[in-house]
Amino acid sequence: MRNLLAAVILLFIAPLVMAGPAGGNGNKFVGYWEEFDIPIYCDGDAVADLTLDIAGWWQGREFTQAGNRNAELTVYHLDFTYTNSNGDVWTWRDRGPDRVYFVDNEAGEPKLYIAITGRSGYNIIGHVVQNLLTFEIVLIAGQHPFGGEVFGPTSDDFACEFLL
């Protein structure tokens, strides 16, 4: 009886948990990413050491109203799964929102920024703000879990270290 009850509950909950992003009644753009068997070269030779599979989704919304500082908000949910020749697997999960927005400088000229929250490609778990016109990093707030360098190791580097 307990197994039957658990099965019925899972029948109703599974579609909610497994669902991808909502389309927002046509007000959002939604994308899915499925790319398989990307070779990763750890030691610099011509033979791939690992295989990378990327799967996930993103959804976003553009803001086109006059006077709105926000240009775009994108939420992403990606899994980078690395596999070695022995079948060992390591997964890097990338989740969080990115916000693109305008700020006027002292001369009244608009500057375009991106605010990355969560785990960023800059070896930060926290918040990174970058000027998209000059690529200057304007703000870093958060932890450097893998060392103090802003442009530290990548997920490929970690996978090579853990799986070889």
N, C-alpha and C. Protein backbone atom coordinates (compact mmCIF):
# COMPACT_ATOMS: atom_id res chain seq x y z
N MET A 1 0.83 -1.20 0.00
CA MET A 1 0.00 0.00 0.00
C MET A 1 0.87 1.26 0.00
N ARG A 2 1.96 1.22 0.79
CA ARG A 2 2.84 2.38 0.86
C ARG A 2 3.51 2.63 -0.49
N ASN A 3 3.90 1.57 -1.19
CA ASN A 3 4.51 1.72 -2.51
C ASN A 3 3.53 2.30 -3.52
N LEU A 4 2.28 1.89 -3.42
CA LEU A 4 1.26 2.40 -4.33
C LEU A 4 1.04 3.90 -4.10
N LEU A 5 0.99 4.30 -2.83
CA LEU A 5 0.82 5.71 -2.50
C LEU A 5 2.01 6.53 -3.01
N ALA A 6 3.21 6.02 -2.83
CA ALA A 6 4.41 6.72 -3.32
C ALA A 6 4.38 6.84 -4.84
N ALA A 7 3.95 5.81 -5.53
CA ALA A 7 3.88 5.84 -6.99
C ALA A 7 2.87 6.86 -7.47
N VAL A 8 1.72 6.95 -6.80
CA VAL A 8 0.69 7.92 -7.18
C VAL A 8 1.21 9.35 -6.95
N ILE A 9 1.89 9.58 -5.84
CA ILE A 9 2.44 10.91 -5.55
C ILE A 9 3.47 11.28 -6.61
N LEU A 10 4.37 10.36 -6.95
CA LEU A 10 5.38 10.62 -7.97
C LEU A 10 4.76 10.89 -9.33
N LEU A 11 3.66 10.22 -9.63
CA LEU A 11 2.97 10.41 -10.89
C LEU A 11 2.52 11.86 -11.06
N PHE A 12 2.10 12.49 -9.97
CA PHE A 12 1.63 13.86 -10.04
C PHE A 12 2.76 14.89 -9.88
N ILE A 13 3.80 14.55 -9.13
CA ILE A 13 4.89 15.49 -8.87
C ILE A 13 5.92 15.48 -9.99
N ALA A 14 6.20 14.34 -10.59
CA ALA A 14 7.28 14.22 -11.60
C ALA A 14 7.15 15.23 -12.73
N PRO A 15 5.97 15.45 -13.31
CA PRO A 15 5.90 16.45 -14.39
C PRO A 15 6.28 17.86 -13.93
N LEU A 16 6.01 18.18 -12.68
CA LEU A 16 6.36 19.50 -12.17
C LEU A 16 7.87 19.63 -11.98
N VAL A 17 8.50 18.59 -11.47
CA VAL A 17 9.93 18.61 -11.21
C VAL A 17 10.72 18.52 -12.50
N MET A 18 10.29 17.72 -13.45
CA MET A 18 11.02 17.47 -14.68
C MET A 18 10.77 18.53 -15.74
N ALA A 19 9.82 19.40 -15.52
CA ALA A 19 9.48 20.38 -16.54
C ALA A 19 10.62 21.37 -16.76
N GLY A 20 10.72 21.86 -17.97
CA GLY A 20 11.70 22.89 -18.29
C GLY A 20 11.14 24.25 -17.94
N PRO A 21 11.72 25.29 -18.50
CA PRO A 21 11.28 26.64 -18.17
C PRO A 21 9.93 26.97 -18.79
N ALA A 22 9.22 27.85 -18.13
CA ALA A 22 7.93 28.30 -18.63
C ALA A 22 8.13 29.38 -19.68
N GLY A 23 7.23 29.45 -20.63
CA GLY A 23 7.31 30.44 -21.70
C GLY A 23 6.74 31.79 -21.35
N GLY A 24 6.09 31.91 -20.20
CA GLY A 24 5.55 33.20 -19.78
C GLY A 24 4.50 33.74 -20.71
N ASN A 25 3.63 32.86 -21.22
CA ASN A 25 2.57 33.26 -22.15
C ASN A 25 3.11 34.02 -23.35
N GLY A 26 4.26 33.59 -23.83
CA GLY A 26 4.85 34.22 -25.01
C GLY A 26 5.67 35.46 -24.71
N ASN A 27 5.84 35.81 -23.43
CA ASN A 27 6.61 37.00 -23.07
C ASN A 27 8.08 36.70 -22.82
N LYS A 28 8.50 35.45 -22.94
CA LYS A 28 9.88 35.07 -22.70
C LYS A 28 10.42 34.29 -23.88
N PHE A 29 11.72 34.32 -24.04
CA PHE A 29 12.34 33.40 -24.99
C PHE A 29 12.88 32.23 -24.19
N VAL A 30 12.76 31.05 -24.74
CA VAL A 30 13.17 29.83 -24.07
C VAL A 30 14.07 29.05 -25.02
N GLY A 31 15.15 28.52 -24.47
CA GLY A 31 16.05 27.72 -25.29
C GLY A 31 16.51 26.49 -24.55
N TYR A 32 16.82 25.47 -25.31
CA TYR A 32 17.33 24.23 -24.75
C TYR A 32 18.70 23.95 -25.35
N TRP A 33 19.57 23.41 -24.56
CA TRP A 33 20.92 23.11 -25.02
C TRP A 33 21.17 21.63 -24.83
N GLU A 34 21.48 20.95 -25.91
CA GLU A 34 21.88 19.56 -25.86
C GLU A 34 23.00 19.38 -26.85
N GLU A 35 24.20 19.28 -26.35
CA GLU A 35 25.36 19.08 -27.21
C GLU A 35 26.16 17.93 -26.61
N PHE A 36 26.46 16.95 -27.43
CA PHE A 36 27.09 15.74 -26.92
C PHE A 36 28.44 15.49 -27.56
N ASP A 37 29.29 14.81 -26.80
CA ASP A 37 30.58 14.30 -27.27
C ASP A 37 31.52 15.41 -27.76
N ILE A 38 31.72 16.40 -26.92
CA ILE A 38 32.70 17.44 -27.19
C ILE A 38 34.03 16.94 -26.63
N PRO A 39 35.08 16.86 -27.43
CA PRO A 39 36.36 16.37 -26.91
C PRO A 39 37.06 17.41 -26.04
N ILE A 40 37.65 16.95 -24.93
CA ILE A 40 38.40 17.81 -24.02
C ILE A 40 39.84 17.30 -23.98
N TYR A 41 40.77 18.19 -24.25
CA TYR A 41 42.19 17.83 -24.28
C TYR A 41 42.86 18.37 -23.02
N CYS A 42 43.25 17.48 -22.13
CA CYS A 42 43.82 17.89 -20.84
C CYS A 42 45.33 18.10 -20.90
N ASP A 43 46.03 17.31 -21.67
CA ASP A 43 47.49 17.35 -21.63
C ASP A 43 48.12 17.97 -22.87
N GLY A 44 47.34 18.56 -23.74
CA GLY A 44 47.88 19.31 -24.86
C GLY A 44 48.23 18.50 -26.09
N ASP A 45 48.08 17.19 -26.03
CA ASP A 45 48.37 16.43 -27.24
C ASP A 45 47.12 16.35 -28.12
N ALA A 46 47.19 15.61 -29.19
CA ALA A 46 46.09 15.57 -30.17
C ALA A 46 45.03 14.53 -29.83
N VAL A 47 45.15 13.87 -28.68
CA VAL A 47 44.20 12.83 -28.29
C VAL A 47 43.30 13.37 -27.18
N ALA A 48 42.00 13.30 -27.39
CA ALA A 48 41.04 13.77 -26.38
C ALA A 48 41.12 12.89 -25.14
N ASP A 49 41.16 13.52 -23.96
CA ASP A 49 41.24 12.79 -22.70
C ASP A 49 39.88 12.57 -22.07
N LEU A 50 38.95 13.49 -22.32
CA LEU A 50 37.62 13.43 -21.75
C LEU A 50 36.59 13.75 -22.83
N THR A 51 35.35 13.40 -22.53
CA THR A 51 34.23 13.79 -23.38
C THR A 51 33.30 14.65 -22.55
N LEU A 52 32.83 15.75 -23.13
CA LEU A 52 31.92 16.66 -22.45
C LEU A 52 30.56 16.60 -23.13
N ASP A 53 29.52 16.46 -22.31
CA ASP A 53 28.14 16.57 -22.76
C ASP A 53 27.51 17.74 -22.02
N ILE A 54 26.86 18.64 -22.75
CA ILE A 54 26.19 19.79 -22.15
C ILE A 54 24.69 19.64 -22.38
N ALA A 55 23.93 19.80 -21.31
CA ALA A 55 22.47 19.72 -21.43
C ALA A 55 21.86 20.73 -20.47
N GLY A 56 20.75 21.32 -20.87
CA GLY A 56 20.07 22.24 -19.99
C GLY A 56 19.15 23.17 -20.75
N TRP A 57 18.79 24.26 -20.09
CA TRP A 57 17.87 25.22 -20.68
C TRP A 57 18.18 26.62 -20.17
N TRP A 58 17.61 27.60 -20.85
CA TRP A 58 17.64 28.97 -20.39
C TRP A 58 16.34 29.61 -20.81
N GLN A 59 15.97 30.63 -20.07
CA GLN A 59 14.81 31.43 -20.43
C GLN A 59 15.13 32.88 -20.13
N GLY A 60 14.54 33.75 -20.89
CA GLY A 60 14.83 35.15 -20.68
C GLY A 60 13.72 36.05 -21.15
N ARG A 61 13.89 37.29 -20.82
CA ARG A 61 12.92 38.30 -21.22
C ARG A 61 13.66 39.57 -21.58
N GLU A 62 13.28 40.15 -22.70
CA GLU A 62 13.82 41.44 -23.12
C GLU A 62 12.87 42.53 -22.64
N PHE A 63 13.46 43.66 -22.26
CA PHE A 63 12.68 44.80 -21.80
C PHE A 63 12.84 45.91 -22.82
N THR A 64 11.79 46.23 -23.53
CA THR A 64 11.88 47.21 -24.61
C THR A 64 11.12 48.50 -24.31
N GLN A 65 10.59 48.63 -23.10
CA GLN A 65 9.84 49.83 -22.75
C GLN A 65 10.78 51.04 -22.69
N ALA A 66 10.31 52.17 -23.15
CA ALA A 66 11.10 53.40 -23.09
C ALA A 66 11.39 53.76 -21.64
N GLY A 67 12.66 54.13 -21.37
CA GLY A 67 13.04 54.55 -20.02
C GLY A 67 13.39 53.41 -19.08
N ASN A 68 13.23 52.18 -19.51
CA ASN A 68 13.57 51.04 -18.65
C ASN A 68 15.07 50.79 -18.72
N ARG A 69 15.74 50.80 -17.58
CA ARG A 69 17.19 50.54 -17.53
C ARG A 69 17.52 49.10 -17.88
N ASN A 70 16.62 48.20 -17.61
CA ASN A 70 16.87 46.79 -17.88
C ASN A 70 16.75 46.51 -19.38
N ALA A 71 17.70 45.75 -19.91
CA ALA A 71 17.64 45.34 -21.31
C ALA A 71 17.21 43.89 -21.42
N GLU A 72 17.72 43.03 -20.52
CA GLU A 72 17.41 41.60 -20.61
C GLU A 72 17.68 40.93 -19.28
N LEU A 73 16.87 39.94 -18.97
CA LEU A 73 17.09 39.06 -17.82
C LEU A 73 17.04 37.63 -18.33
N THR A 74 18.10 36.88 -18.07
CA THR A 74 18.17 35.49 -18.52
C THR A 74 18.46 34.60 -17.33
N VAL A 75 17.71 33.53 -17.19
CA VAL A 75 17.94 32.52 -16.16
C VAL A 75 18.39 31.26 -16.88
N TYR A 76 19.43 30.63 -16.37
CA TYR A 76 19.96 29.45 -17.04
C TYR A 76 20.13 28.30 -16.05
N HIS A 77 20.14 27.11 -16.61
CA HIS A 77 20.22 25.86 -15.83
C HIS A 77 20.94 24.85 -16.73
N LEU A 78 22.27 24.78 -16.60
CA LEU A 78 23.07 23.92 -17.48
C LEU A 78 23.88 22.91 -16.68
N ASP A 79 24.03 21.72 -17.24
CA ASP A 79 24.89 20.68 -16.67
C ASP A 79 25.98 20.35 -17.67
N PHE A 80 27.23 20.43 -17.23
CA PHE A 80 28.39 20.06 -18.03
C PHE A 80 28.88 18.73 -17.47
N THR A 81 28.66 17.64 -18.19
CA THR A 81 29.01 16.31 -17.71
C THR A 81 30.22 15.79 -18.46
N TYR A 82 31.28 15.52 -17.71
CA TYR A 82 32.55 15.05 -18.26
C TYR A 82 32.69 13.56 -17.98
N THR A 83 33.21 12.82 -18.96
CA THR A 83 33.39 11.37 -18.82
C THR A 83 34.79 11.01 -19.31
N ASN A 84 35.47 10.14 -18.54
CA ASN A 84 36.78 9.65 -19.00
C ASN A 84 36.62 8.29 -19.67
N SER A 85 37.72 7.72 -20.12
CA SER A 85 37.67 6.45 -20.86
C SER A 85 37.26 5.28 -19.98
N ASN A 86 37.37 5.42 -18.66
CA ASN A 86 36.93 4.36 -17.73
C ASN A 86 35.44 4.44 -17.43
N GLY A 87 34.79 5.49 -17.91
CA GLY A 87 33.36 5.67 -17.62
C GLY A 87 33.09 6.47 -16.37
N ASP A 88 34.15 7.00 -15.71
CA ASP A 88 33.95 7.85 -14.55
C ASP A 88 33.38 9.18 -15.00
N VAL A 89 32.49 9.75 -14.18
CA VAL A 89 31.74 10.94 -14.56
C VAL A 89 31.91 12.01 -13.49
N TRP A 90 32.03 13.27 -13.94
CA TRP A 90 32.04 14.43 -13.05
C TRP A 90 31.18 15.51 -13.69
N THR A 91 30.30 16.15 -12.90
CA THR A 91 29.36 17.13 -13.45
C THR A 91 29.57 18.50 -12.80
N TRP A 92 29.63 19.51 -13.64
CA TRP A 92 29.69 20.92 -13.23
C TRP A 92 28.33 21.51 -13.52
N ARG A 93 27.68 22.03 -12.50
CA ARG A 93 26.34 22.60 -12.67
C ARG A 93 26.44 24.12 -12.68
N ASP A 94 25.84 24.73 -13.66
CA ASP A 94 25.86 26.19 -13.81
C ASP A 94 24.42 26.67 -13.75
N ARG A 95 24.09 27.44 -12.73
CA ARG A 95 22.73 27.92 -12.51
C ARG A 95 22.77 29.39 -12.17
N GLY A 96 21.75 30.10 -12.51
CA GLY A 96 21.64 31.46 -12.04
C GLY A 96 21.11 32.43 -13.07
N PRO A 97 20.89 33.67 -12.64
CA PRO A 97 20.41 34.70 -13.56
C PRO A 97 21.55 35.60 -14.05
N ASP A 98 21.39 36.12 -15.24
CA ASP A 98 22.24 37.18 -15.79
C ASP A 98 21.32 38.35 -16.12
N ARG A 99 21.72 39.53 -15.72
CA ARG A 99 20.92 40.73 -15.99
C ARG A 99 21.75 41.71 -16.80
N VAL A 100 21.22 42.13 -17.94
CA VAL A 100 21.88 43.13 -18.78
C VAL A 100 21.09 44.43 -18.61
N TYR A 101 21.84 45.52 -18.31
CA TYR A 101 21.15 46.78 -18.05
C TYR A 101 22.01 47.98 -18.43
N PHE A 102 21.37 49.14 -18.54
CA PHE A 102 22.03 50.39 -18.90
C PHE A 102 22.18 51.28 -17.68
N VAL A 103 23.31 52.00 -17.61
CA VAL A 103 23.53 53.03 -16.60
C VAL A 103 24.17 54.20 -17.32
N ASP A 104 23.67 55.41 -17.07
CA ASP A 104 24.26 56.61 -17.68
C ASP A 104 25.50 57.03 -16.90
N ASN A 105 26.58 57.40 -17.62
CA ASN A 105 27.77 57.91 -16.95
C ASN A 105 27.60 59.39 -16.63
N GLU A 106 28.67 60.02 -16.14
CA GLU A 106 28.59 61.43 -15.73
C GLU A 106 28.21 62.34 -16.90
N ALA A 107 28.58 61.96 -18.11
CA ALA A 107 28.28 62.78 -19.29
C ALA A 107 26.89 62.48 -19.86
N GLY A 108 26.15 61.60 -19.22
CA GLY A 108 24.81 61.25 -19.69
C GLY A 108 24.80 60.20 -20.79
N GLU A 109 25.95 59.59 -21.06
CA GLU A 109 26.03 58.56 -22.08
C GLU A 109 25.71 57.20 -21.46
N PRO A 110 24.91 56.39 -22.15
CA PRO A 110 24.57 55.09 -21.56
C PRO A 110 25.74 54.11 -21.65
N LYS A 111 25.92 53.35 -20.58
CA LYS A 111 26.88 52.25 -20.55
C LYS A 111 26.08 50.97 -20.36
N LEU A 112 26.53 49.91 -20.99
CA LEU A 112 25.83 48.64 -20.95
C LEU A 112 26.59 47.68 -20.03
N TYR A 113 25.91 47.12 -19.05
CA TYR A 113 26.52 46.23 -18.08
C TYR A 113 25.82 44.88 -18.07
N ILE A 114 26.55 43.86 -17.61
CA ILE A 114 25.95 42.57 -17.32
C ILE A 114 26.28 42.24 -15.88
N ALA A 115 25.28 41.81 -15.14
CA ALA A 115 25.45 41.36 -13.76
C ALA A 115 25.22 39.85 -13.75
N ILE A 116 26.24 39.11 -13.37
CA ILE A 116 26.17 37.65 -13.32
C ILE A 116 26.08 37.25 -11.86
N THR A 117 25.04 36.54 -11.51
CA THR A 117 24.84 36.12 -10.14
C THR A 117 24.86 34.60 -10.08
N GLY A 118 25.49 34.07 -9.05
CA GLY A 118 25.62 32.62 -8.90
C GLY A 118 27.05 32.22 -9.17
N ARG A 119 27.26 31.10 -9.80
CA ARG A 119 28.60 30.66 -10.17
C ARG A 119 28.90 31.22 -11.55
N SER A 120 29.91 32.03 -11.63
CA SER A 120 30.24 32.66 -12.91
C SER A 120 31.47 32.01 -13.52
N GLY A 121 31.74 32.36 -14.75
CA GLY A 121 32.94 31.89 -15.41
C GLY A 121 34.19 32.60 -14.91
N TYR A 122 34.05 33.46 -13.91
CA TYR A 122 35.16 34.23 -13.38
C TYR A 122 35.68 33.66 -12.07
N ASN A 123 35.44 32.38 -11.80
CA ASN A 123 35.91 31.74 -10.58
C ASN A 123 35.33 32.43 -9.35
N ILE A 124 34.10 32.87 -9.44
CA ILE A 124 33.43 33.55 -8.34
C ILE A 124 32.09 32.86 -8.11
N ILE A 125 31.76 32.64 -6.86
CA ILE A 125 30.39 32.28 -6.51
C ILE A 125 29.86 33.50 -5.77
N GLY A 126 29.01 34.24 -6.42
CA GLY A 126 28.52 35.50 -5.88
C GLY A 126 27.97 36.38 -6.96
N HIS A 127 28.63 37.55 -7.16
CA HIS A 127 28.09 38.57 -8.06
C HIS A 127 29.26 39.23 -8.79
N VAL A 128 29.18 39.26 -10.12
CA VAL A 128 30.18 39.92 -10.96
C VAL A 128 29.45 40.88 -11.89
N VAL A 129 29.94 42.13 -11.97
CA VAL A 129 29.37 43.10 -12.90
C VAL A 129 30.47 43.50 -13.88
N GLN A 130 30.13 43.45 -15.17
CA GLN A 130 31.10 43.75 -16.21
C GLN A 130 30.51 44.74 -17.21
N ASN A 131 31.32 45.71 -17.62
CA ASN A 131 30.93 46.64 -18.68
C ASN A 131 31.03 45.89 -20.00
N LEU A 132 29.93 45.76 -20.72
CA LEU A 132 29.92 44.99 -21.96
C LEU A 132 30.53 45.74 -23.15
N LEU A 133 30.76 47.03 -23.00
CA LEU A 133 31.37 47.80 -24.08
C LEU A 133 32.90 47.79 -23.99
N THR A 134 33.43 47.83 -22.76
CA THR A 134 34.88 47.85 -22.56
C THR A 134 35.43 46.54 -21.99
N PHE A 135 34.55 45.65 -21.55
CA PHE A 135 34.87 44.38 -20.90
C PHE A 135 35.55 44.56 -19.54
N GLU A 136 35.53 45.77 -19.00
CA GLU A 136 36.08 46.05 -17.68
C GLU A 136 35.20 45.43 -16.62
N ILE A 137 35.81 44.77 -15.63
CA ILE A 137 35.07 44.23 -14.50
C ILE A 137 34.89 45.37 -13.51
N VAL A 138 33.64 45.68 -13.20
CA VAL A 138 33.31 46.82 -12.36
C VAL A 138 33.14 46.42 -10.90
N LEU A 139 32.64 45.22 -10.65
CA LEU A 139 32.37 44.78 -9.28
C LEU A 139 32.54 43.28 -9.18
N ILE A 140 33.17 42.87 -8.10
CA ILE A 140 33.23 41.44 -7.75
C ILE A 140 32.87 41.33 -6.28
N ALA A 141 31.84 40.57 -5.99
CA ALA A 141 31.43 40.33 -4.61
C ALA A 141 31.11 38.85 -4.47
N GLY A 142 31.77 38.20 -3.56
CA GLY A 142 31.50 36.79 -3.35
C GLY A 142 32.76 36.05 -2.99
N GLN A 143 32.70 34.75 -3.12
CA GLN A 143 33.80 33.89 -2.72
C GLN A 143 34.58 33.42 -3.94
N HIS A 144 35.87 33.25 -3.74
CA HIS A 144 36.75 32.62 -4.72
C HIS A 144 37.01 31.20 -4.21
N PRO A 145 36.12 30.27 -4.48
CA PRO A 145 36.26 28.95 -3.85
C PRO A 145 37.48 28.17 -4.32
N PHE A 146 38.06 28.54 -5.45
CA PHE A 146 39.17 27.77 -5.99
C PHE A 146 40.43 28.60 -6.10
N GLY A 147 40.62 29.57 -5.22
CA GLY A 147 41.79 30.43 -5.26
C GLY A 147 41.37 31.86 -5.49
N GLY A 148 42.28 32.79 -5.28
CA GLY A 148 41.97 34.19 -5.33
C GLY A 148 41.99 34.82 -6.70
N GLU A 149 42.36 34.09 -7.74
CA GLU A 149 42.43 34.67 -9.07
C GLU A 149 41.03 34.82 -9.66
N VAL A 150 40.79 35.99 -10.28
CA VAL A 150 39.49 36.21 -10.90
C VAL A 150 39.28 35.26 -12.06
N PHE A 151 40.26 35.18 -12.95
CA PHE A 151 40.15 34.28 -14.09
C PHE A 151 40.89 33.00 -13.75
N GLY A 152 40.33 32.25 -12.84
CA GLY A 152 40.97 31.04 -12.36
C GLY A 152 40.64 29.84 -13.21
N PRO A 153 40.69 28.67 -12.61
CA PRO A 153 40.45 27.44 -13.36
C PRO A 153 39.04 27.37 -13.92
N THR A 154 38.92 26.68 -15.05
CA THR A 154 37.62 26.48 -15.69
C THR A 154 37.07 25.11 -15.30
N SER A 155 35.83 24.84 -15.70
CA SER A 155 35.25 23.52 -15.43
C SER A 155 36.05 22.44 -16.16
N ASP A 156 36.59 22.74 -17.34
CA ASP A 156 37.44 21.77 -18.04
C ASP A 156 38.67 21.43 -17.20
N ASP A 157 39.28 22.46 -16.59
CA ASP A 157 40.46 22.23 -15.75
C ASP A 157 40.13 21.31 -14.59
N PHE A 158 39.01 21.56 -13.92
CA PHE A 158 38.60 20.73 -12.78
C PHE A 158 38.34 19.29 -13.22
N ALA A 159 37.65 19.15 -14.35
CA ALA A 159 37.34 17.81 -14.85
C ALA A 159 38.62 17.04 -15.14
N CYS A 160 39.59 17.70 -15.75
CA CYS A 160 40.87 17.04 -16.04
C CYS A 160 41.55 16.62 -14.75
N GLU A 161 41.50 17.49 -13.73
CA GLU A 161 42.14 17.17 -12.46
C GLU A 161 41.44 16.02 -11.75
N PHE A 162 40.12 16.00 -11.76
CA PHE A 162 39.37 15.00 -11.02
C PHE A 162 39.29 13.64 -11.72
N LEU A 163 39.29 13.64 -13.05
CA LEU A 163 39.03 12.41 -13.77
C LEU A 163 40.27 11.74 -14.36
N LEU A 164 41.43 12.39 -14.31
CA LEU A 164 42.64 11.75 -14.85
C LEU A 164 43.56 11.29 -13.76
